[in-house]
Amino acid sequence: MEVGAPGGGTGEDPLPALRLLDLRHTHATLLLAEGVPVKVVSERLGHASASITLTVYQHVHPGMGREAADRIAALLEG
């Protein structure tokens, strides 16, 4: 199923075609980027385990190692 299929007869530019899978992926990516726990996102997606979610969405986490280091440093300094 696609949303915003070409046409529509309004003379305006149509919305880009989006598959439901694209919306699902965007949903998961935004949740993870906002810091929602992987386990919660995994359950929402219906994945059998959080490791599947981590494997598929590992691109969302590149800066999280630096963030974790900064947080522990702040705790130790504080």
PDB file of N, CA and C in Angstrom:
ATOM      1  N   MET A   1       0.836  -1.169   0.000  1.00  0.00           N
ATOM      2  CA  MET A   1       0.000   0.000   0.000  1.00  0.00           C
ATOM      3  C   MET A   1       0.883   1.234   0.000  1.00  0.00           C
ATOM      4  N   GLU A   2       0.554   2.193  -0.847  1.00  0.00           N
ATOM      5  CA  GLU A   2       1.309   3.427  -0.908  1.00  0.00           C
ATOM      6  C   GLU A   2       0.409   4.600  -0.550  1.00  0.00           C
ATOM      7  N   VAL A   3       0.974   5.578   0.137  1.00  0.00           N
ATOM      8  CA  VAL A   3       0.270   6.784   0.505  1.00  0.00           C
ATOM      9  C   VAL A   3       0.766   7.893  -0.400  1.00  0.00           C
ATOM     10  N   GLY A   4      -0.156   8.739  -0.887  1.00  0.00           N
ATOM     11  CA  GLY A   4       0.247   9.860  -1.719  1.00  0.00           C
ATOM     12  C   GLY A   4       0.653   9.438  -3.116  1.00  0.00           C
ATOM     13  N   ALA A   5      -0.065   8.487  -3.666  1.00  0.00           N
ATOM     14  CA  ALA A   5       0.242   8.010  -5.005  1.00  0.00           C
ATOM     15  C   ALA A   5       0.087   9.147  -6.015  1.00  0.00           C
ATOM     16  N   PRO A   6       0.850   9.110  -7.116  1.00  0.00           N
ATOM     17  CA  PRO A   6       0.803  10.185  -8.111  1.00  0.00           C
ATOM     18  C   PRO A   6      -0.609  10.422  -8.634  1.00  0.00           C
ATOM     19  N   GLY A   7      -0.811  11.641  -9.060  1.00  0.00           N
ATOM     20  CA  GLY A   7      -2.111  11.998  -9.629  1.00  0.00           C
ATOM     21  C   GLY A   7      -2.909  12.817  -8.662  1.00  0.00           C
ATOM     22  N   GLY A   8      -4.189  12.613  -8.660  1.00  0.00           N
ATOM     23  CA  GLY A   8      -5.054  13.334  -7.747  1.00  0.00           C
ATOM     24  C   GLY A   8      -5.870  14.390  -8.449  1.00  0.00           C
ATOM     25  N   GLY A   9      -5.438  14.835  -9.622  1.00  0.00           N
ATOM     26  CA  GLY A   9      -6.224  15.748 -10.419  1.00  0.00           C
ATOM     27  C   GLY A   9      -6.335  17.162  -9.877  1.00  0.00           C
ATOM     28  N   THR A  10      -5.506  17.568  -8.942  1.00  0.00           N
ATOM     29  CA  THR A  10      -5.608  18.912  -8.390  1.00  0.00           C
ATOM     30  C   THR A  10      -4.675  19.886  -9.098  1.00  0.00           C
ATOM     31  N   GLY A  11      -3.758  19.383  -9.927  1.00  0.00           N
ATOM     32  CA  GLY A  11      -2.803  20.238 -10.587  1.00  0.00           C
ATOM     33  C   GLY A  11      -1.609  20.577  -9.714  1.00  0.00           C
ATOM     34  N   GLU A  12      -1.644  20.177  -8.453  1.00  0.00           N
ATOM     35  CA  GLU A  12      -0.529  20.417  -7.548  1.00  0.00           C
ATOM     36  C   GLU A  12       0.420  19.230  -7.588  1.00  0.00           C
ATOM     37  N   ASP A  13       1.639  19.474  -7.117  1.00  0.00           N
ATOM     38  CA  ASP A  13       2.594  18.373  -7.025  1.00  0.00           C
ATOM     39  C   ASP A  13       2.053  17.336  -6.055  1.00  0.00           C
ATOM     40  N   PRO A  14       2.047  16.070  -6.460  1.00  0.00           N
ATOM     41  CA  PRO A  14       1.548  15.023  -5.555  1.00  0.00           C
ATOM     42  C   PRO A  14       2.538  14.777  -4.419  1.00  0.00           C
ATOM     43  N   LEU A  15       2.038  14.233  -3.344  1.00  0.00           N
ATOM     44  CA  LEU A  15       2.916  13.818  -2.254  1.00  0.00           C
ATOM     45  C   LEU A  15       3.778  12.667  -2.735  1.00  0.00           C
ATOM     46  N   PRO A  16       4.978  12.540  -2.201  1.00  0.00           N
ATOM     47  CA  PRO A  16       5.801  11.391  -2.606  1.00  0.00           C
ATOM     48  C   PRO A  16       5.141  10.095  -2.158  1.00  0.00           C
ATOM     49  N   ALA A  17       5.316   9.065  -2.947  1.00  0.00           N
ATOM     50  CA  ALA A  17       4.758   7.761  -2.596  1.00  0.00           C
ATOM     51  C   ALA A  17       5.510   7.199  -1.402  1.00  0.00           C
ATOM     52  N   LEU A  18       4.792   6.790  -0.380  1.00  0.00           N
ATOM     53  CA  LEU A  18       5.389   6.197   0.809  1.00  0.00           C
ATOM     54  C   LEU A  18       4.770   4.837   1.052  1.00  0.00           C
ATOM     55  N   ARG A  19       5.620   3.864   1.308  1.00  0.00           N
ATOM     56  CA  ARG A  19       5.112   2.549   1.673  1.00  0.00           C
ATOM     57  C   ARG A  19       4.875   2.523   3.176  1.00  0.00           C
ATOM     58  N   LEU A  20       3.997   1.647   3.631  1.00  0.00           N
ATOM     59  CA  LEU A  20       3.782   1.512   5.066  1.00  0.00           C
ATOM     60  C   LEU A  20       5.078   1.130   5.772  1.00  0.00           C
ATOM     61  N   LEU A  21       5.918   0.369   5.109  1.00  0.00           N
ATOM     62  CA  LEU A  21       7.212  -0.003   5.681  1.00  0.00           C
ATOM     63  C   LEU A  21       8.073   1.238   5.942  1.00  0.00           C
ATOM     64  N   ASP A  22       7.996   2.223   5.037  1.00  0.00           N
ATOM     65  CA  ASP A  22       8.741   3.467   5.228  1.00  0.00           C
ATOM     66  C   ASP A  22       8.253   4.201   6.480  1.00  0.00           C
ATOM     67  N   LEU A  23       6.953   4.233   6.687  1.00  0.00           N
ATOM     68  CA  LEU A  23       6.385   4.888   7.863  1.00  0.00           C
ATOM     69  C   LEU A  23       6.789   4.146   9.138  1.00  0.00           C
ATOM     70  N   ARG A  24       6.801   2.823   9.074  1.00  0.00           N
ATOM     71  CA  ARG A  24       7.215   2.008  10.224  1.00  0.00           C
ATOM     72  C   ARG A  24       8.675   2.298  10.582  1.00  0.00           C
ATOM     73  N   HIS A  25       9.524   2.368   9.553  1.00  0.00           N
ATOM     74  CA  HIS A  25      10.943   2.618   9.762  1.00  0.00           C
ATOM     75  C   HIS A  25      11.158   4.027  10.347  1.00  0.00           C
ATOM     76  N   THR A  26      10.449   5.002   9.816  1.00  0.00           N
ATOM     77  CA  THR A  26      10.554   6.372  10.324  1.00  0.00           C
ATOM     78  C   THR A  26      10.110   6.437  11.777  1.00  0.00           C
ATOM     79  N   HIS A  27       9.015   5.768  12.087  1.00  0.00           N
ATOM     80  CA  HIS A  27       8.484   5.716  13.454  1.00  0.00           C
ATOM     81  C   HIS A  27       9.556   5.185  14.414  1.00  0.00           C
ATOM     82  N   ALA A  28      10.152   4.057  14.076  1.00  0.00           N
ATOM     83  CA  ALA A  28      11.166   3.442  14.933  1.00  0.00           C
ATOM     84  C   ALA A  28      12.401   4.324  15.048  1.00  0.00           C
ATOM     85  N   THR A  29      12.847   4.895  13.945  1.00  0.00           N
ATOM     86  CA  THR A  29      14.031   5.737  13.949  1.00  0.00           C
ATOM     87  C   THR A  29      13.838   6.959  14.835  1.00  0.00           C
ATOM     88  N   LEU A  30      12.682   7.606  14.731  1.00  0.00           N
ATOM     89  CA  LEU A  30      12.409   8.795  15.553  1.00  0.00           C
ATOM     90  C   LEU A  30      12.342   8.445  17.035  1.00  0.00           C
ATOM     91  N   LEU A  31      11.710   7.322  17.357  1.00  0.00           N
ATOM     92  CA  LEU A  31      11.642   6.914  18.763  1.00  0.00           C
ATOM     93  C   LEU A  31      13.037   6.672  19.331  1.00  0.00           C
ATOM     94  N   LEU A  32      13.860   5.947  18.601  1.00  0.00           N
ATOM     95  CA  LEU A  32      15.208   5.651  19.074  1.00  0.00           C
ATOM     96  C   LEU A  32      16.050   6.923  19.190  1.00  0.00           C
ATOM     97  N   ALA A  33      15.911   7.819  18.219  1.00  0.00           N
ATOM     98  CA  ALA A  33      16.668   9.067  18.253  1.00  0.00           C
ATOM     99  C   ALA A  33      16.270   9.940  19.441  1.00  0.00           C
ATOM    100  N   GLU A  34      15.041   9.772  19.912  1.00  0.00           N
ATOM    101  CA  GLU A  34      14.563  10.544  21.064  1.00  0.00           C
ATOM    102  C   GLU A  34      14.877   9.866  22.389  1.00  0.00           C
ATOM    103  N   GLY A  35      15.573   8.730  22.328  1.00  0.00           N
ATOM    104  CA  GLY A  35      16.000   8.078  23.553  1.00  0.00           C
ATOM    105  C   GLY A  35      15.022   7.077  24.146  1.00  0.00           C
ATOM    106  N   VAL A  36      13.993   6.707  23.393  1.00  0.00           N
ATOM    107  CA  VAL A  36      13.071   5.675  23.870  1.00  0.00           C
ATOM    108  C   VAL A  36      13.858   4.369  23.966  1.00  0.00           C
ATOM    109  N   PRO A  37      13.729   3.644  25.060  1.00  0.00           N
ATOM    110  CA  PRO A  37      14.494   2.401  25.212  1.00  0.00           C
ATOM    111  C   PRO A  37      14.269   1.417  24.052  1.00  0.00           C
ATOM    112  N   VAL A  38      15.351   0.773  23.650  1.00  0.00           N
ATOM    113  CA  VAL A  38      15.297  -0.173  22.534  1.00  0.00           C
ATOM    114  C   VAL A  38      14.250  -1.258  22.782  1.00  0.00           C
ATOM    115  N   LYS A  39      14.144  -1.726  24.002  1.00  0.00           N
ATOM    116  CA  LYS A  39      13.175  -2.774  24.332  1.00  0.00           C
ATOM    117  C   LYS A  39      11.750  -2.317  24.027  1.00  0.00           C
ATOM    118  N   VAL A  40      11.437  -1.067  24.338  1.00  0.00           N
ATOM    119  CA  VAL A  40      10.100  -0.520  24.074  1.00  0.00           C
ATOM    120  C   VAL A  40       9.850  -0.441  22.569  1.00  0.00           C
ATOM    121  N   VAL A  41      10.814   0.072  21.828  1.00  0.00           N
ATOM    122  CA  VAL A  41      10.677   0.171  20.376  1.00  0.00           C
ATOM    123  C   VAL A  41      10.536  -1.217  19.769  1.00  0.00           C
ATOM    124  N   SER A  42      11.340  -2.153  20.244  1.00  0.00           N
ATOM    125  CA  SER A  42      11.287  -3.532  19.761  1.00  0.00           C
ATOM    126  C   SER A  42       9.898  -4.134  19.944  1.00  0.00           C
ATOM    127  N   GLU A  43       9.316  -3.905  21.113  1.00  0.00           N
ATOM    128  CA  GLU A  43       7.969  -4.424  21.384  1.00  0.00           C
ATOM    129  C   GLU A  43       6.930  -3.772  20.473  1.00  0.00           C
ATOM    130  N   ARG A  44       7.057  -2.464  20.256  1.00  0.00           N
ATOM    131  CA  ARG A  44       6.111  -1.768  19.371  1.00  0.00           C
ATOM    132  C   ARG A  44       6.180  -2.302  17.948  1.00  0.00           C
ATOM    133  N   LEU A  45       7.388  -2.675  17.517  1.00  0.00           N
ATOM    134  CA  LEU A  45       7.570  -3.186  16.161  1.00  0.00           C
ATOM    135  C   LEU A  45       7.209  -4.664  16.039  1.00  0.00           C
ATOM    136  N   GLY A  46       7.090  -5.346  17.174  1.00  0.00           N
ATOM    137  CA  GLY A  46       6.785  -6.769  17.144  1.00  0.00           C
ATOM    138  C   GLY A  46       7.992  -7.638  16.870  1.00  0.00           C
ATOM    139  N   HIS A  47       9.182  -7.094  17.107  1.00  0.00           N
ATOM    140  CA  HIS A  47      10.386  -7.899  16.920  1.00  0.00           C
ATOM    141  C   HIS A  47      10.477  -8.962  18.013  1.00  0.00           C
ATOM    142  N   ALA A  48      11.051 -10.091  17.670  1.00  0.00           N
ATOM    143  CA  ALA A  48      11.180 -11.194  18.617  1.00  0.00           C
ATOM    144  C   ALA A  48      12.142 -10.861  19.751  1.00  0.00           C
ATOM    145  N   SER A  49      13.100  -9.974  19.472  1.00  0.00           N
ATOM    146  CA  SER A  49      14.048  -9.584  20.511  1.00  0.00           C
ATOM    147  C   SER A  49      14.566  -8.182  20.217  1.00  0.00           C
ATOM    148  N   ALA A  50      15.093  -7.540  21.245  1.00  0.00           N
ATOM    149  CA  ALA A  50      15.672  -6.204  21.079  1.00  0.00           C
ATOM    150  C   ALA A  50      16.921  -6.249  20.205  1.00  0.00           C
ATOM    151  N   SER A  51      17.581  -7.394  20.154  1.00  0.00           N
ATOM    152  CA  SER A  51      18.789  -7.492  19.323  1.00  0.00           C
ATOM    153  C   SER A  51      18.460  -7.308  17.841  1.00  0.00           C
ATOM    154  N   ILE A  52      17.285  -7.735  17.421  1.00  0.00           N
ATOM    155  CA  ILE A  52      16.865  -7.517  16.026  1.00  0.00           C
ATOM    156  C   ILE A  52      16.734  -6.023  15.771  1.00  0.00           C
ATOM    157  N   THR A  53      16.094  -5.326  16.698  1.00  0.00           N
ATOM    158  CA  THR A  53      15.910  -3.883  16.562  1.00  0.00           C
ATOM    159  C   THR A  53      17.262  -3.178  16.520  1.00  0.00           C
ATOM    160  N   LEU A  54      18.171  -3.576  17.412  1.00  0.00           N
ATOM    161  CA  LEU A  54      19.503  -2.970  17.432  1.00  0.00           C
ATOM    162  C   LEU A  54      20.248  -3.204  16.120  1.00  0.00           C
ATOM    163  N   THR A  55      20.106  -4.386  15.550  1.00  0.00           N
ATOM    164  CA  THR A  55      20.778  -4.693  14.291  1.00  0.00           C
ATOM    165  C   THR A  55      20.223  -3.854  13.148  1.00  0.00           C
ATOM    166  N   VAL A  56      18.908  -3.757  13.063  1.00  0.00           N
ATOM    167  CA  VAL A  56      18.267  -3.031  11.961  1.00  0.00           C
ATOM    168  C   VAL A  56      18.477  -1.526  12.077  1.00  0.00           C
ATOM    169  N   TYR A  57      18.445  -1.014  13.305  1.00  0.00           N
ATOM    170  CA  TYR A  57      18.477   0.435  13.510  1.00  0.00           C
ATOM    171  C   TYR A  57      19.782   0.929  14.113  1.00  0.00           C
ATOM    172  N   GLN A  58      20.866   0.198  13.912  1.00  0.00           N
ATOM    173  CA  GLN A  58      22.139   0.596  14.493  1.00  0.00           C
ATOM    174  C   GLN A  58      22.628   1.940  13.962  1.00  0.00           C
ATOM    175  N   HIS A  59      22.177   2.347  12.780  1.00  0.00           N
ATOM    176  CA  HIS A  59      22.587   3.635  12.216  1.00  0.00           C
ATOM    177  C   HIS A  59      22.082   4.823  13.037  1.00  0.00           C
ATOM    178  N   VAL A  60      21.087   4.618  13.885  1.00  0.00           N
ATOM    179  CA  VAL A  60      20.530   5.693  14.701  1.00  0.00           C
ATOM    180  C   VAL A  60      21.455   6.000  15.877  1.00  0.00           C
ATOM    181  N   HIS A  61      22.322   5.080  16.244  1.00  0.00           N
ATOM    182  CA  HIS A  61      23.109   5.165  17.461  1.00  0.00           C
ATOM    183  C   HIS A  61      24.563   5.630  17.338  1.00  0.00           C
ATOM    184  N   PRO A  62      25.038   6.163  16.226  1.00  0.00           N
ATOM    185  CA  PRO A  62      26.475   6.426  16.150  1.00  0.00           C
ATOM    186  C   PRO A  62      27.004   7.400  17.204  1.00  0.00           C
ATOM    187  N   GLY A  63      26.251   8.403  17.596  1.00  0.00           N
ATOM    188  CA  GLY A  63      26.735   9.368  18.573  1.00  0.00           C
ATOM    189  C   GLY A  63      26.443   8.998  20.009  1.00  0.00           C
ATOM    190  N   MET A  64      25.781   7.882  20.217  1.00  0.00           N
ATOM    191  CA  MET A  64      25.379   7.525  21.569  1.00  0.00           C
ATOM    192  C   MET A  64      26.550   7.108  22.441  1.00  0.00           C
ATOM    193  N   GLY A  65      27.606   6.594  21.860  1.00  0.00           N
ATOM    194  CA  GLY A  65      28.791   6.239  22.642  1.00  0.00           C
ATOM    195  C   GLY A  65      29.420   7.475  23.258  1.00  0.00           C
ATOM    196  N   ARG A  66      29.491   8.542  22.482  1.00  0.00           N
ATOM    197  CA  ARG A  66      30.039   9.809  22.983  1.00  0.00           C
ATOM    198  C   ARG A  66      29.131  10.374  24.074  1.00  0.00           C
ATOM    199  N   GLU A  67      27.829  10.286  23.849  1.00  0.00           N
ATOM    200  CA  GLU A  67      26.861  10.775  24.839  1.00  0.00           C
ATOM    201  C   GLU A  67      26.999  10.001  26.153  1.00  0.00           C
ATOM    202  N   ALA A  68      27.160   8.697  26.070  1.00  0.00           N
ATOM    203  CA  ALA A  68      27.322   7.876  27.277  1.00  0.00           C
ATOM    204  C   ALA A  68      28.607   8.257  28.015  1.00  0.00           C
ATOM    205  N   ALA A  69      29.675   8.485  27.274  1.00  0.00           N
ATOM    206  CA  ALA A  69      30.936   8.882  27.892  1.00  0.00           C
ATOM    207  C   ALA A  69      30.798  10.234  28.585  1.00  0.00           C
ATOM    208  N   ASP A  70      30.108  11.160  27.943  1.00  0.00           N
ATOM    209  CA  ASP A  70      29.890  12.486  28.539  1.00  0.00           C
ATOM    210  C   ASP A  70      29.055  12.389  29.816  1.00  0.00           C
ATOM    211  N   ARG A  71      28.057  11.522  29.801  1.00  0.00           N
ATOM    212  CA  ARG A  71      27.210  11.366  30.984  1.00  0.00           C
ATOM    213  C   ARG A  71      27.974  10.780  32.172  1.00  0.00           C
ATOM    214  N   ILE A  72      28.784   9.772  31.929  1.00  0.00           N
ATOM    215  CA  ILE A  72      29.542   9.167  33.024  1.00  0.00           C
ATOM    216  C   ILE A  72      30.589  10.143  33.539  1.00  0.00           C
ATOM    217  N   ALA A  73      31.172  10.923  32.636  1.00  0.00           N
ATOM    218  CA  ALA A  73      32.151  11.930  33.051  1.00  0.00           C
ATOM    219  C   ALA A  73      31.471  12.969  33.962  1.00  0.00           C
ATOM    220  N   ALA A  74      30.277  13.399  33.600  1.00  0.00           N
ATOM    221  CA  ALA A  74      29.547  14.365  34.414  1.00  0.00           C
ATOM    222  C   ALA A  74      29.202  13.784  35.784  1.00  0.00           C
ATOM    223  N   LEU A  75      28.841  12.514  35.815  1.00  0.00           N
ATOM    224  CA  LEU A  75      28.535  11.870  37.094  1.00  0.00           C
ATOM    225  C   LEU A  75      29.771  11.798  37.998  1.00  0.00           C
ATOM    226  N   LEU A  76      30.910  11.471  37.400  1.00  0.00           N
ATOM    227  CA  LEU A  76      32.137  11.347  38.180  1.00  0.00           C
ATOM    228  C   LEU A  76      32.662  12.697  38.654  1.00  0.00           C
ATOM    229  N   GLU A  77      32.430  13.746  37.869  1.00  0.00           N
ATOM    230  CA  GLU A  77      32.871  15.083  38.248  1.00  0.00           C
ATOM    231  C   GLU A  77      31.957  15.724  39.281  1.00  0.00           C
ATOM    232  N   GLY A  78      30.682  15.334  39.230  1.00  0.00           N
ATOM    233  CA  GLY A  78      29.663  15.990  40.010  1.00  0.00           C
ATOM    234  C   GLY A  78      29.567  15.710  41.419  1.00  0.00           C
TER     235      GLY A  78
END
